[in-house]
Amino acid sequence: MERVVLTAEQRLAVEQVVGIGVRWTVGGSSDLLREKVIAELHAVTRDGVVLGVALGTVLAAADMDGWRPYRTLAEVYRDAGADEHVAAAELAWQRAHSPGRGSRG
């Protein structure tokens, strides 16, 4: 699969969305309700492509180490409107090109 081509604005949004996900899973925000996390994501973007790249990234990370919170975060990205086709493309790209890395780099 080809890697999804993002605009500069979308790349920035991906970084922000992933940052929210990190704060929610490993930071001090893990006690926030899912709905509040989704609202925070939507304050950044509702772009399914952006959320799909974030979803593919977290699925790649889950594949690498199996940490359960990654799977939970993946469901949050899905609930927020992540494009599953974009996520699949990003996951495939990361599997093929970024072994051992969990970011879009």
PDB file of N, CA and C in Angstrom:
ATOM      1  N   MET A   1       0.840  -1.189   0.000  1.00  0.00           N
ATOM      2  CA  MET A   1       0.000   0.000   0.000  1.00  0.00           C
ATOM      3  C   MET A   1       0.879   1.244   0.000  1.00  0.00           C
ATOM      4  N   GLU A   2       0.370   2.263  -0.615  1.00  0.00           N
ATOM      5  CA  GLU A   2       1.047   3.552  -0.641  1.00  0.00           C
ATOM      6  C   GLU A   2       0.819   4.279   0.673  1.00  0.00           C
ATOM      7  N   ARG A   3       1.773   5.083   1.047  1.00  0.00           N
ATOM      8  CA  ARG A   3       1.621   5.917   2.229  1.00  0.00           C
ATOM      9  C   ARG A   3       0.687   7.072   1.901  1.00  0.00           C
ATOM     10  N   VAL A   4      -0.144   7.438   2.839  1.00  0.00           N
ATOM     11  CA  VAL A   4      -1.073   8.540   2.665  1.00  0.00           C
ATOM     12  C   VAL A   4      -0.279   9.834   2.616  1.00  0.00           C
ATOM     13  N   VAL A   5      -0.577  10.665   1.620  1.00  0.00           N
ATOM     14  CA  VAL A   5       0.092  11.958   1.482  1.00  0.00           C
ATOM     15  C   VAL A   5      -0.745  12.996   2.220  1.00  0.00           C
ATOM     16  N   LEU A   6      -0.096  13.684   3.146  1.00  0.00           N
ATOM     17  CA  LEU A   6      -0.774  14.682   3.970  1.00  0.00           C
ATOM     18  C   LEU A   6      -0.293  16.084   3.634  1.00  0.00           C
ATOM     19  N   THR A   7      -1.166  17.050   3.829  1.00  0.00           N
ATOM     20  CA  THR A   7      -0.761  18.452   3.733  1.00  0.00           C
ATOM     21  C   THR A   7       0.001  18.816   5.003  1.00  0.00           C
ATOM     22  N   ALA A   8       0.644  19.947   4.987  1.00  0.00           N
ATOM     23  CA  ALA A   8       1.356  20.416   6.185  1.00  0.00           C
ATOM     24  C   ALA A   8       0.384  20.580   7.350  1.00  0.00           C
ATOM     25  N   GLU A   9      -0.795  21.082   7.070  1.00  0.00           N
ATOM     26  CA  GLU A   9      -1.803  21.269   8.112  1.00  0.00           C
ATOM     27  C   GLU A   9      -2.233  19.923   8.702  1.00  0.00           C
ATOM     28  N   GLN A  10      -2.409  18.929   7.837  1.00  0.00           N
ATOM     29  CA  GLN A  10      -2.778  17.600   8.325  1.00  0.00           C
ATOM     30  C   GLN A  10      -1.659  16.967   9.144  1.00  0.00           C
ATOM     31  N   ARG A  11      -0.405  17.155   8.724  1.00  0.00           N
ATOM     32  CA  ARG A  11       0.714  16.594   9.493  1.00  0.00           C
ATOM     33  C   ARG A  11       0.748  17.190  10.893  1.00  0.00           C
ATOM     34  N   LEU A  12       0.523  18.495  10.989  1.00  0.00           N
ATOM     35  CA  LEU A  12       0.481  19.148  12.296  1.00  0.00           C
ATOM     36  C   LEU A  12      -0.670  18.585  13.135  1.00  0.00           C
ATOM     37  N   ALA A  13      -1.816  18.403  12.509  1.00  0.00           N
ATOM     38  CA  ALA A  13      -2.965  17.859  13.231  1.00  0.00           C
ATOM     39  C   ALA A  13      -2.687  16.435  13.708  1.00  0.00           C
ATOM     40  N   VAL A  14      -2.009  15.629  12.881  1.00  0.00           N
ATOM     41  CA  VAL A  14      -1.650  14.267  13.309  1.00  0.00           C
ATOM     42  C   VAL A  14      -0.788  14.331  14.563  1.00  0.00           C
ATOM     43  N   GLU A  15       0.199  15.203  14.559  1.00  0.00           N
ATOM     44  CA  GLU A  15       1.065  15.336  15.738  1.00  0.00           C
ATOM     45  C   GLU A  15       0.261  15.720  16.972  1.00  0.00           C
ATOM     46  N   GLN A  16      -0.690  16.633  16.813  1.00  0.00           N
ATOM     47  CA  GLN A  16      -1.518  17.057  17.943  1.00  0.00           C
ATOM     48  C   GLN A  16      -2.421  15.923  18.423  1.00  0.00           C
ATOM     49  N   VAL A  17      -3.027  15.204  17.488  1.00  0.00           N
ATOM     50  CA  VAL A  17      -3.911  14.088  17.830  1.00  0.00           C
ATOM     51  C   VAL A  17      -3.132  12.987  18.549  1.00  0.00           C
ATOM     52  N   VAL A  18      -1.963  12.660  18.029  1.00  0.00           N
ATOM     53  CA  VAL A  18      -1.125  11.643  18.674  1.00  0.00           C
ATOM     54  C   VAL A  18      -0.714  12.115  20.072  1.00  0.00           C
ATOM     55  N   GLY A  19      -0.416  13.395  20.209  1.00  0.00           N
ATOM     56  CA  GLY A  19      -0.072  13.946  21.522  1.00  0.00           C
ATOM     57  C   GLY A  19      -1.202  13.799  22.520  1.00  0.00           C
ATOM     58  N   ILE A  20      -2.418  14.050  22.072  1.00  0.00           N
ATOM     59  CA  ILE A  20      -3.591  13.859  22.935  1.00  0.00           C
ATOM     60  C   ILE A  20      -3.690  12.396  23.336  1.00  0.00           C
ATOM     61  N   GLY A  21      -3.478  11.507  22.373  1.00  0.00           N
ATOM     62  CA  GLY A  21      -3.528  10.077  22.666  1.00  0.00           C
ATOM     63  C   GLY A  21      -2.485   9.648  23.677  1.00  0.00           C
ATOM     64  N   VAL A  22      -1.281  10.168  23.533  1.00  0.00           N
ATOM     65  CA  VAL A  22      -0.208   9.840  24.488  1.00  0.00           C
ATOM     66  C   VAL A  22      -0.579  10.335  25.879  1.00  0.00           C
ATOM     67  N   ARG A  23      -1.053  11.572  25.960  1.00  0.00           N
ATOM     68  CA  ARG A  23      -1.451  12.112  27.273  1.00  0.00           C
ATOM     69  C   ARG A  23      -2.555  11.265  27.896  1.00  0.00           C
ATOM     70  N   TRP A  24      -3.477  10.792  27.067  1.00  0.00           N
ATOM     71  CA  TRP A  24      -4.600  10.024  27.589  1.00  0.00           C
ATOM     72  C   TRP A  24      -4.167   8.635  28.043  1.00  0.00           C
ATOM     73  N   THR A  25      -3.237   8.024  27.323  1.00  0.00           N
ATOM     74  CA  THR A  25      -2.855   6.645  27.671  1.00  0.00           C
ATOM     75  C   THR A  25      -1.764   6.576  28.725  1.00  0.00           C
ATOM     76  N   VAL A  26      -0.772   7.454  28.672  1.00  0.00           N
ATOM     77  CA  VAL A  26       0.355   7.339  29.602  1.00  0.00           C
ATOM     78  C   VAL A  26       0.538   8.562  30.482  1.00  0.00           C
ATOM     79  N   GLY A  27      -0.115   9.631  30.139  1.00  0.00           N
ATOM     80  CA  GLY A  27       0.035  10.855  30.914  1.00  0.00           C
ATOM     81  C   GLY A  27      -0.984  10.934  32.032  1.00  0.00           C
ATOM     82  N   GLY A  28      -1.113  12.113  32.565  1.00  0.00           N
ATOM     83  CA  GLY A  28      -2.019  12.336  33.681  1.00  0.00           C
ATOM     84  C   GLY A  28      -3.474  12.450  33.278  1.00  0.00           C
ATOM     85  N   SER A  29      -3.795  12.245  31.997  1.00  0.00           N
ATOM     86  CA  SER A  29      -5.171  12.415  31.531  1.00  0.00           C
ATOM     87  C   SER A  29      -5.924  11.105  31.364  1.00  0.00           C
ATOM     88  N   SER A  30      -5.343  10.004  31.789  1.00  0.00           N
ATOM     89  CA  SER A  30      -5.961   8.709  31.541  1.00  0.00           C
ATOM     90  C   SER A  30      -7.292   8.523  32.263  1.00  0.00           C
ATOM     91  N   ASP A  31      -7.589   9.383  33.225  1.00  0.00           N
ATOM     92  CA  ASP A  31      -8.854   9.266  33.935  1.00  0.00           C
ATOM     93  C   ASP A  31      -9.987  10.021  33.241  1.00  0.00           C
ATOM     94  N   LEU A  32      -9.666  10.744  32.163  1.00  0.00           N
ATOM     95  CA  LEU A  32     -10.702  11.457  31.434  1.00  0.00           C
ATOM     96  C   LEU A  32     -11.654  10.471  30.770  1.00  0.00           C
ATOM     97  N   LEU A  33     -12.890  10.830  30.722  1.00  0.00           N
ATOM     98  CA  LEU A  33     -13.873  10.004  30.040  1.00  0.00           C
ATOM     99  C   LEU A  33     -13.595  10.003  28.543  1.00  0.00           C
ATOM    100  N   ARG A  34     -13.923   8.908  27.923  1.00  0.00           N
ATOM    101  CA  ARG A  34     -13.719   8.757  26.479  1.00  0.00           C
ATOM    102  C   ARG A  34     -14.358   9.922  25.705  1.00  0.00           C
ATOM    103  N   GLU A  35     -15.551  10.321  26.114  1.00  0.00           N
ATOM    104  CA  GLU A  35     -16.249  11.406  25.418  1.00  0.00           C
ATOM    105  C   GLU A  35     -15.467  12.713  25.483  1.00  0.00           C
ATOM    106  N   LYS A  36     -14.803  12.954  26.604  1.00  0.00           N
ATOM    107  CA  LYS A  36     -14.002  14.176  26.743  1.00  0.00           C
ATOM    108  C   LYS A  36     -12.755  14.111  25.873  1.00  0.00           C
ATOM    109  N   VAL A  37     -12.177  12.931  25.752  1.00  0.00           N
ATOM    110  CA  VAL A  37     -11.004  12.769  24.892  1.00  0.00           C
ATOM    111  C   VAL A  37     -11.414  12.983  23.437  1.00  0.00           C
ATOM    112  N   ILE A  38     -12.540  12.419  23.056  1.00  0.00           N
ATOM    113  CA  ILE A  38     -13.029  12.606  21.688  1.00  0.00           C
ATOM    114  C   ILE A  38     -13.314  14.085  21.429  1.00  0.00           C
ATOM    115  N   ALA A  39     -13.890  14.771  22.390  1.00  0.00           N
ATOM    116  CA  ALA A  39     -14.141  16.205  22.234  1.00  0.00           C
ATOM    117  C   ALA A  39     -12.822  16.969  22.074  1.00  0.00           C
ATOM    118  N   GLU A  40     -11.799  16.566  22.806  1.00  0.00           N
ATOM    119  CA  GLU A  40     -10.492  17.201  22.675  1.00  0.00           C
ATOM    120  C   GLU A  40      -9.904  16.926  21.289  1.00  0.00           C
ATOM    121  N   LEU A  41     -10.055  15.708  20.807  1.00  0.00           N
ATOM    122  CA  LEU A  41      -9.597  15.382  19.444  1.00  0.00           C
ATOM    123  C   LEU A  41     -10.346  16.222  18.419  1.00  0.00           C
ATOM    124  N   HIS A  42     -11.657  16.320  18.581  1.00  0.00           N
ATOM    125  CA  HIS A  42     -12.465  17.089  17.635  1.00  0.00           C
ATOM    126  C   HIS A  42     -12.173  18.582  17.691  1.00  0.00           C
ATOM    127  N   ALA A  43     -11.665  19.059  18.810  1.00  0.00           N
ATOM    128  CA  ALA A  43     -11.254  20.465  18.881  1.00  0.00           C
ATOM    129  C   ALA A  43     -10.046  20.717  17.981  1.00  0.00           C
ATOM    130  N   VAL A  44      -9.266  19.667  17.737  1.00  0.00           N
ATOM    131  CA  VAL A  44      -8.116  19.764  16.837  1.00  0.00           C
ATOM    132  C   VAL A  44      -8.562  19.511  15.401  1.00  0.00           C
ATOM    133  N   THR A  45      -9.312  18.414  15.196  1.00  0.00           N
ATOM    134  CA  THR A  45      -9.731  18.036  13.843  1.00  0.00           C
ATOM    135  C   THR A  45     -10.855  17.021  13.889  1.00  0.00           C
ATOM    136  N   ARG A  46     -11.635  17.013  12.835  1.00  0.00           N
ATOM    137  CA  ARG A  46     -12.610  15.958  12.586  1.00  0.00           C
ATOM    138  C   ARG A  46     -12.266  15.249  11.284  1.00  0.00           C
ATOM    139  N   ASP A  47     -11.105  15.545  10.743  1.00  0.00           N
ATOM    140  CA  ASP A  47     -10.642  14.985   9.479  1.00  0.00           C
ATOM    141  C   ASP A  47     -10.375  13.496   9.647  1.00  0.00           C
ATOM    142  N   GLY A  48     -11.161  12.674   8.963  1.00  0.00           N
ATOM    143  CA  GLY A  48     -11.014  11.234   9.056  1.00  0.00           C
ATOM    144  C   GLY A  48      -9.658  10.733   8.596  1.00  0.00           C
ATOM    145  N   VAL A  49      -9.037  11.462   7.669  1.00  0.00           N
ATOM    146  CA  VAL A  49      -7.700  11.087   7.198  1.00  0.00           C
ATOM    147  C   VAL A  49      -6.690  11.277   8.322  1.00  0.00           C
ATOM    148  N   VAL A  50      -6.735  12.414   8.978  1.00  0.00           N
ATOM    149  CA  VAL A  50      -5.824  12.686  10.096  1.00  0.00           C
ATOM    150  C   VAL A  50      -6.019  11.645  11.191  1.00  0.00           C
ATOM    151  N   LEU A  51      -7.259  11.426  11.568  1.00  0.00           N
ATOM    152  CA  LEU A  51      -7.547  10.444  12.616  1.00  0.00           C
ATOM    153  C   LEU A  51      -7.177   9.040  12.160  1.00  0.00           C
ATOM    154  N   GLY A  52      -7.310   8.764  10.865  1.00  0.00           N
ATOM    155  CA  GLY A  52      -6.925   7.468  10.322  1.00  0.00           C
ATOM    156  C   GLY A  52      -5.432   7.222  10.400  1.00  0.00           C
ATOM    157  N   VAL A  53      -4.638   8.254  10.121  1.00  0.00           N
ATOM    158  CA  VAL A  53      -3.182   8.116  10.255  1.00  0.00           C
ATOM    159  C   VAL A  53      -2.820   7.855  11.715  1.00  0.00           C
ATOM    160  N   ALA A  54      -3.468   8.589  12.620  1.00  0.00           N
ATOM    161  CA  ALA A  54      -3.221   8.357  14.047  1.00  0.00           C
ATOM    162  C   ALA A  54      -3.611   6.930  14.432  1.00  0.00           C
ATOM    163  N   LEU A  55      -4.735   6.457  13.912  1.00  0.00           N
ATOM    164  CA  LEU A  55      -5.172   5.090  14.190  1.00  0.00           C
ATOM    165  C   LEU A  55      -4.161   4.075  13.663  1.00  0.00           C
ATOM    166  N   GLY A  56      -3.717   4.246  12.438  1.00  0.00           N
ATOM    167  CA  GLY A  56      -2.719   3.328  11.884  1.00  0.00           C
ATOM    168  C   GLY A  56      -1.433   3.328  12.685  1.00  0.00           C
ATOM    169  N   THR A  57      -1.044   4.494  13.168  1.00  0.00           N
ATOM    170  CA  THR A  57       0.168   4.625  13.971  1.00  0.00           C
ATOM    171  C   THR A  57       0.040   3.876  15.293  1.00  0.00           C
ATOM    172  N   VAL A  58      -1.107   4.026  15.947  1.00  0.00           N
ATOM    173  CA  VAL A  58      -1.282   3.357  17.236  1.00  0.00           C
ATOM    174  C   VAL A  58      -1.447   1.844  17.048  1.00  0.00           C
ATOM    175  N   LEU A  59      -2.043   1.431  15.941  1.00  0.00           N
ATOM    176  CA  LEU A  59      -2.131  -0.010  15.676  1.00  0.00           C
ATOM    177  C   LEU A  59      -0.746  -0.599  15.421  1.00  0.00           C
ATOM    178  N   ALA A  60       0.117   0.152  14.741  1.00  0.00           N
ATOM    179  CA  ALA A  60       1.495  -0.305  14.525  1.00  0.00           C
ATOM    180  C   ALA A  60       2.221  -0.425  15.863  1.00  0.00           C
ATOM    181  N   ALA A  61       2.013   0.542  16.731  1.00  0.00           N
ATOM    182  CA  ALA A  61       2.640   0.492  18.054  1.00  0.00           C
ATOM    183  C   ALA A  61       2.123  -0.708  18.847  1.00  0.00           C
ATOM    184  N   ALA A  62       0.832  -0.977  18.751  1.00  0.00           N
ATOM    185  CA  ALA A  62       0.251  -2.126  19.450  1.00  0.00           C
ATOM    186  C   ALA A  62       0.834  -3.434  18.921  1.00  0.00           C
ATOM    187  N   ASP A  63       1.058  -3.493  17.603  1.00  0.00           N
ATOM    188  CA  ASP A  63       1.682  -4.686  17.016  1.00  0.00           C
ATOM    189  C   ASP A  63       3.084  -4.910  17.562  1.00  0.00           C
ATOM    190  N   MET A  64       3.807  -3.821  17.785  1.00  0.00           N
ATOM    191  CA  MET A  64       5.194  -3.929  18.226  1.00  0.00           C
ATOM    192  C   MET A  64       5.320  -4.464  19.638  1.00  0.00           C
ATOM    193  N   ASP A  65       4.471  -3.959  20.545  1.00  0.00           N
ATOM    194  CA  ASP A  65       4.678  -4.380  21.932  1.00  0.00           C
ATOM    195  C   ASP A  65       3.439  -4.923  22.638  1.00  0.00           C
ATOM    196  N   GLY A  66       2.297  -4.888  21.981  1.00  0.00           N
ATOM    197  CA  GLY A  66       1.101  -5.486  22.552  1.00  0.00           C
ATOM    198  C   GLY A  66       0.520  -4.782  23.766  1.00  0.00           C
ATOM    199  N   TRP A  67       0.957  -3.575  24.029  1.00  0.00           N
ATOM    200  CA  TRP A  67       0.476  -2.848  25.203  1.00  0.00           C
ATOM    201  C   TRP A  67      -1.017  -2.562  25.046  1.00  0.00           C
ATOM    202  N   ARG A  68      -1.831  -3.058  25.945  1.00  0.00           N
ATOM    203  CA  ARG A  68      -3.293  -2.988  25.862  1.00  0.00           C
ATOM    204  C   ARG A  68      -3.833  -1.560  25.696  1.00  0.00           C
ATOM    205  N   PRO A  69      -3.314  -0.546  26.368  1.00  0.00           N
ATOM    206  CA  PRO A  69      -3.860   0.799  26.177  1.00  0.00           C
ATOM    207  C   PRO A  69      -3.804   1.294  24.730  1.00  0.00           C
ATOM    208  N   TYR A  70      -2.873   0.776  23.927  1.00  0.00           N
ATOM    209  CA  TYR A  70      -2.862   1.157  22.506  1.00  0.00           C
ATOM    210  C   TYR A  70      -4.162   0.716  21.826  1.00  0.00           C
ATOM    211  N   ARG A  71      -4.624  -0.465  22.145  1.00  0.00           N
ATOM    212  CA  ARG A  71      -5.876  -0.967  21.549  1.00  0.00           C
ATOM    213  C   ARG A  71      -7.065  -0.117  22.007  1.00  0.00           C
ATOM    214  N   THR A  72      -7.048   0.288  23.271  1.00  0.00           N
ATOM    215  CA  THR A  72      -8.102   1.155  23.781  1.00  0.00           C
ATOM    216  C   THR A  72      -8.076   2.493  23.062  1.00  0.00           C
ATOM    217  N   LEU A  73      -6.885   3.049  22.866  1.00  0.00           N
ATOM    218  CA  LEU A  73      -6.753   4.312  22.153  1.00  0.00           C
ATOM    219  C   LEU A  73      -7.213   4.166  20.701  1.00  0.00           C
ATOM    220  N   ALA A  74      -6.937   3.027  20.095  1.00  0.00           N
ATOM    221  CA  ALA A  74      -7.395   2.785  18.723  1.00  0.00           C
ATOM    222  C   ALA A  74      -8.917   2.891  18.650  1.00  0.00           C
ATOM    223  N   GLU A  75      -9.608   2.362  19.639  1.00  0.00           N
ATOM    224  CA  GLU A  75     -11.071   2.461  19.658  1.00  0.00           C
ATOM    225  C   GLU A  75     -11.526   3.912  19.806  1.00  0.00           C
ATOM    226  N   VAL A  76     -10.801   4.689  20.566  1.00  0.00           N
ATOM    227  CA  VAL A  76     -11.135   6.112  20.708  1.00  0.00           C
ATOM    228  C   VAL A  76     -10.987   6.809  19.360  1.00  0.00           C
ATOM    229  N   TYR A  77      -9.884   6.549  18.660  1.00  0.00           N
ATOM    230  CA  TYR A  77      -9.704   7.153  17.336  1.00  0.00           C
ATOM    231  C   TYR A  77     -10.814   6.718  16.378  1.00  0.00           C
ATOM    232  N   ARG A  78     -11.208   5.464  16.455  1.00  0.00           N
ATOM    233  CA  ARG A  78     -12.321   4.990  15.617  1.00  0.00           C
ATOM    234  C   ARG A  78     -13.606   5.734  15.960  1.00  0.00           C
ATOM    235  N   ASP A  79     -13.885   5.841  17.254  1.00  0.00           N
ATOM    236  CA  ASP A  79     -15.092   6.544  17.695  1.00  0.00           C
ATOM    237  C   ASP A  79     -15.072   8.020  17.297  1.00  0.00           C
ATOM    238  N   ALA A  80     -13.882   8.579  17.172  1.00  0.00           N
ATOM    239  CA  ALA A  80     -13.745   9.991  16.785  1.00  0.00           C
ATOM    240  C   ALA A  80     -13.923  10.187  15.281  1.00  0.00           C
ATOM    241  N   GLY A  81     -13.919   9.089  14.508  1.00  0.00           N
ATOM    242  CA  GLY A  81     -14.157   9.206  13.080  1.00  0.00           C
ATOM    243  C   GLY A  81     -12.987   8.875  12.183  1.00  0.00           C
ATOM    244  N   ALA A  82     -12.038   8.099  12.677  1.00  0.00           N
ATOM    245  CA  ALA A  82     -10.878   7.722  11.874  1.00  0.00           C
ATOM    246  C   ALA A  82     -11.314   6.945  10.637  1.00  0.00           C
ATOM    247  N   ASP A  83     -10.690   7.246   9.527  1.00  0.00           N
ATOM    248  CA  ASP A  83     -10.936   6.530   8.277  1.00  0.00           C
ATOM    249  C   ASP A  83     -10.179   5.207   8.325  1.00  0.00           C
ATOM    250  N   GLU A  84     -10.910   4.105   8.292  1.00  0.00           N
ATOM    251  CA  GLU A  84     -10.307   2.773   8.425  1.00  0.00           C
ATOM    252  C   GLU A  84      -9.393   2.434   7.239  1.00  0.00           C
ATOM    253  N   HIS A  85      -9.721   2.912   6.053  1.00  0.00           N
ATOM    254  CA  HIS A  85      -8.876   2.637   4.884  1.00  0.00           C
ATOM    255  C   HIS A  85      -7.540   3.359   5.006  1.00  0.00           C
ATOM    256  N   VAL A  86      -7.588   4.587   5.480  1.00  0.00           N
ATOM    257  CA  VAL A  86      -6.356   5.344   5.715  1.00  0.00           C
ATOM    258  C   VAL A  86      -5.541   4.651   6.801  1.00  0.00           C
ATOM    259  N   ALA A  87      -6.205   4.226   7.866  1.00  0.00           N
ATOM    260  CA  ALA A  87      -5.508   3.529   8.955  1.00  0.00           C
ATOM    261  C   ALA A  87      -4.824   2.266   8.445  1.00  0.00           C
ATOM    262  N   ALA A  88      -5.523   1.509   7.598  1.00  0.00           N
ATOM    263  CA  ALA A  88      -4.937   0.281   7.047  1.00  0.00           C
ATOM    264  C   ALA A  88      -3.717   0.594   6.191  1.00  0.00           C
ATOM    265  N   ALA A  89      -3.799   1.653   5.403  1.00  0.00           N
ATOM    266  CA  ALA A  89      -2.658   2.048   4.563  1.00  0.00           C
ATOM    267  C   ALA A  89      -1.479   2.482   5.423  1.00  0.00           C
ATOM    268  N   GLU A  90      -1.743   3.254   6.462  1.00  0.00           N
ATOM    269  CA  GLU A  90      -0.662   3.711   7.348  1.00  0.00           C
ATOM    270  C   GLU A  90      -0.046   2.535   8.088  1.00  0.00           C
ATOM    271  N   LEU A  91      -0.884   1.631   8.576  1.00  0.00           N
ATOM    272  CA  LEU A  91      -0.386   0.448   9.282  1.00  0.00           C
ATOM    273  C   LEU A  91       0.485  -0.393   8.347  1.00  0.00           C
ATOM    274  N   ALA A  92       0.027  -0.611   7.135  1.00  0.00           N
ATOM    275  CA  ALA A  92       0.810  -1.397   6.173  1.00  0.00           C
ATOM    276  C   ALA A  92       2.128  -0.710   5.861  1.00  0.00           C
ATOM    277  N   TRP A  93       2.094   0.602   5.690  1.00  0.00           N
ATOM    278  CA  TRP A  93       3.325   1.336   5.393  1.00  0.00           C
ATOM    279  C   TRP A  93       4.302   1.219   6.558  1.00  0.00           C
ATOM    280  N   GLN A  94       3.792   1.397   7.766  1.00  0.00           N
ATOM    281  CA  GLN A  94       4.680   1.308   8.931  1.00  0.00           C
ATOM    282  C   GLN A  94       5.249  -0.092   9.100  1.00  0.00           C
ATOM    283  N   ARG A  95       4.455  -1.097   8.844  1.00  0.00           N
ATOM    284  CA  ARG A  95       4.959  -2.467   8.936  1.00  0.00           C
ATOM    285  C   ARG A  95       6.077  -2.712   7.933  1.00  0.00           C
ATOM    286  N   ALA A  96       5.917  -2.144   6.739  1.00  0.00           N
ATOM    287  CA  ALA A  96       6.889  -2.375   5.669  1.00  0.00           C
ATOM    288  C   ALA A  96       8.132  -1.498   5.776  1.00  0.00           C
ATOM    289  N   HIS A  97       7.991  -0.292   6.323  1.00  0.00           N
ATOM    290  CA  HIS A  97       9.082   0.677   6.260  1.00  0.00           C
ATOM    291  C   HIS A  97       9.633   1.157   7.593  1.00  0.00           C
ATOM    292  N   SER A  98       8.950   0.904   8.661  1.00  0.00           N
ATOM    293  CA  SER A  98       9.398   1.443   9.934  1.00  0.00           C
ATOM    294  C   SER A  98       9.440   0.393  11.024  1.00  0.00           C
ATOM    295  N   PRO A  99      10.100  -0.718  10.792  1.00  0.00           N
ATOM    296  CA  PRO A  99      10.154  -1.736  11.845  1.00  0.00           C
ATOM    297  C   PRO A  99      10.786  -1.165  13.118  1.00  0.00           C
ATOM    298  N   GLY A 100      10.112  -1.417  14.222  1.00  0.00           N
ATOM    299  CA  GLY A 100      10.637  -0.955  15.504  1.00  0.00           C
ATOM    300  C   GLY A 100      10.331   0.489  15.824  1.00  0.00           C
ATOM    301  N   ARG A 101       9.544   1.140  14.969  1.00  0.00           N
ATOM    302  CA  ARG A 101       9.225   2.550  15.205  1.00  0.00           C
ATOM    303  C   ARG A 101       7.703   2.711  15.212  1.00  0.00           C
ATOM    304  N   GLY A 102       7.218   3.539  16.119  1.00  0.00           N
ATOM    305  CA  GLY A 102       5.774   3.735  16.235  1.00  0.00           C
ATOM    306  C   GLY A 102       5.307   5.119  15.854  1.00  0.00           C
ATOM    307  N   SER A 103       6.085   5.849  15.086  1.00  0.00           N
ATOM    308  CA  SER A 103       5.657   7.180  14.682  1.00  0.00           C
ATOM    309  C   SER A 103       5.805   7.345  13.179  1.00  0.00           C
ATOM    310  N   ARG A 104       5.175   8.337  12.674  1.00  0.00           N
ATOM    311  CA  ARG A 104       5.161   8.590  11.244  1.00  0.00           C
ATOM    312  C   ARG A 104       6.520   9.043  10.764  1.00  0.00           C
ATOM    313  N   GLY A 105       7.358   9.550  11.668  1.00  0.00           N
ATOM    314  CA  GLY A 105       8.740   9.912  11.395  1.00  0.00           C
ATOM    315  C   GLY A 105       8.974  10.657  10.177  1.00  0.00           C
TER     316      GLY A 105
END
